[in-house]
Amino acid sequence: MFGIDIALWNLIYGSCKTLGTILGTGALGGAGMYALIITYGVQLVVCKKKGDKK
């Protein structure tokens, strides 16, 4: 069980670190960018289901 948890953590951390390195902000900046992208996507889906238009 813990092997899968560690592997998942390493995957997420590695992705955040890669994105953060590209932007020059580090892993925390990469995690913030991923959070913004996911939040934007969820907002698009929710607004589409409601029928709201921007």
C-alpha atoms as a PDB file:
ATOM      1  CA  MET A   1       0.000   0.000   0.000  1.00  0.00           C
ATOM      2  CA  PHE A   2       2.712   2.487   0.948  1.00  0.00           C
ATOM      3  CA  GLY A   3       4.691   1.675  -2.175  1.00  0.00           C
ATOM      4  CA  ILE A   4       1.796   2.887  -4.324  1.00  0.00           C
ATOM      5  CA  ASP A   5       1.404   6.001  -2.169  1.00  0.00           C
ATOM      6  CA  ILE A   6       5.065   6.874  -2.523  1.00  0.00           C
ATOM      7  CA  ALA A   7       5.006   6.223  -6.262  1.00  0.00           C
ATOM      8  CA  LEU A   8       1.964   8.479  -6.686  1.00  0.00           C
ATOM      9  CA  TRP A   9       3.574  11.203  -4.561  1.00  0.00           C
ATOM     10  CA  ASN A  10       6.756  11.005  -6.646  1.00  0.00           C
ATOM     11  CA  LEU A  11       4.732  11.258  -9.866  1.00  0.00           C
ATOM     12  CA  ILE A  12       2.798  14.319  -8.690  1.00  0.00           C
ATOM     13  CA  TYR A  13       5.866  15.996  -7.187  1.00  0.00           C
ATOM     14  CA  GLY A  14       7.911  15.298 -10.319  1.00  0.00           C
ATOM     15  CA  SER A  15       5.229  16.805 -12.554  1.00  0.00           C
ATOM     16  CA  CYS A  16       4.930  19.901 -10.372  1.00  0.00           C
ATOM     17  CA  LYS A  17       8.703  20.268 -10.189  1.00  0.00           C
ATOM     18  CA  THR A  18       9.039  19.955 -13.975  1.00  0.00           C
ATOM     19  CA  LEU A  19       6.381  22.590 -14.640  1.00  0.00           C
ATOM     20  CA  GLY A  20       7.819  24.835 -11.953  1.00  0.00           C
ATOM     21  CA  THR A  21      11.322  24.502 -13.357  1.00  0.00           C
ATOM     22  CA  ILE A  22      10.091  25.508 -16.800  1.00  0.00           C
ATOM     23  CA  LEU A  23       8.445  28.605 -15.311  1.00  0.00           C
ATOM     24  CA  GLY A  24      11.344  29.266 -12.918  1.00  0.00           C
ATOM     25  CA  THR A  25       9.254  28.977  -9.748  1.00  0.00           C
ATOM     26  CA  GLY A  26      10.037  25.504  -8.400  1.00  0.00           C
ATOM     27  CA  ALA A  27       7.709  22.714  -7.321  1.00  0.00           C
ATOM     28  CA  LEU A  28       5.384  24.957  -5.326  1.00  0.00           C
ATOM     29  CA  GLY A  29       4.852  27.269  -8.302  1.00  0.00           C
ATOM     30  CA  GLY A  30       4.195  24.257 -10.521  1.00  0.00           C
ATOM     31  CA  ALA A  31       1.613  22.948  -8.049  1.00  0.00           C
ATOM     32  CA  GLY A  32      -0.061  26.351  -8.083  1.00  0.00           C
ATOM     33  CA  MET A  33      -0.209  26.343 -11.865  1.00  0.00           C
ATOM     34  CA  TYR A  34      -1.721  22.854 -11.911  1.00  0.00           C
ATOM     35  CA  ALA A  35      -4.276  23.969  -9.300  1.00  0.00           C
ATOM     36  CA  LEU A  36      -5.243  26.950 -11.466  1.00  0.00           C
ATOM     37  CA  ILE A  37      -5.598  24.777 -14.569  1.00  0.00           C
ATOM     38  CA  ILE A  38      -7.748  22.196 -12.749  1.00  0.00           C
ATOM     39  CA  THR A  39      -9.905  24.921 -11.168  1.00  0.00           C
ATOM     40  CA  TYR A  40     -10.439  26.569 -14.553  1.00  0.00           C
ATOM     41  CA  GLY A  41     -11.434  23.240 -16.115  1.00  0.00           C
ATOM     42  CA  VAL A  42     -13.898  22.447 -13.326  1.00  0.00           C
ATOM     43  CA  GLN A  43     -15.394  25.928 -13.652  1.00  0.00           C
ATOM     44  CA  LEU A  44     -15.894  25.439 -17.397  1.00  0.00           C
ATOM     45  CA  VAL A  45     -17.678  22.128 -16.847  1.00  0.00           C
ATOM     46  CA  VAL A  46     -19.932  23.476 -14.084  1.00  0.00           C
ATOM     47  CA  CYS A  47     -20.884  26.554 -16.093  1.00  0.00           C
ATOM     48  CA  LYS A  48     -21.589  24.438 -19.163  1.00  0.00           C
ATOM     49  CA  LYS A  49     -23.905  22.158 -17.145  1.00  0.00           C
ATOM     50  CA  LYS A  50     -25.748  25.177 -15.715  1.00  0.00           C
ATOM     51  CA  GLY A  51     -26.114  26.739 -19.140  1.00  0.00           C
ATOM     52  CA  ASP A  52     -24.283  29.914 -18.158  1.00  0.00           C
ATOM     53  CA  LYS A  53     -22.469  31.687 -20.952  1.00  0.00           C
ATOM     54  CA  LYS A  54     -19.480  33.972 -20.657  1.00  0.00           C
END
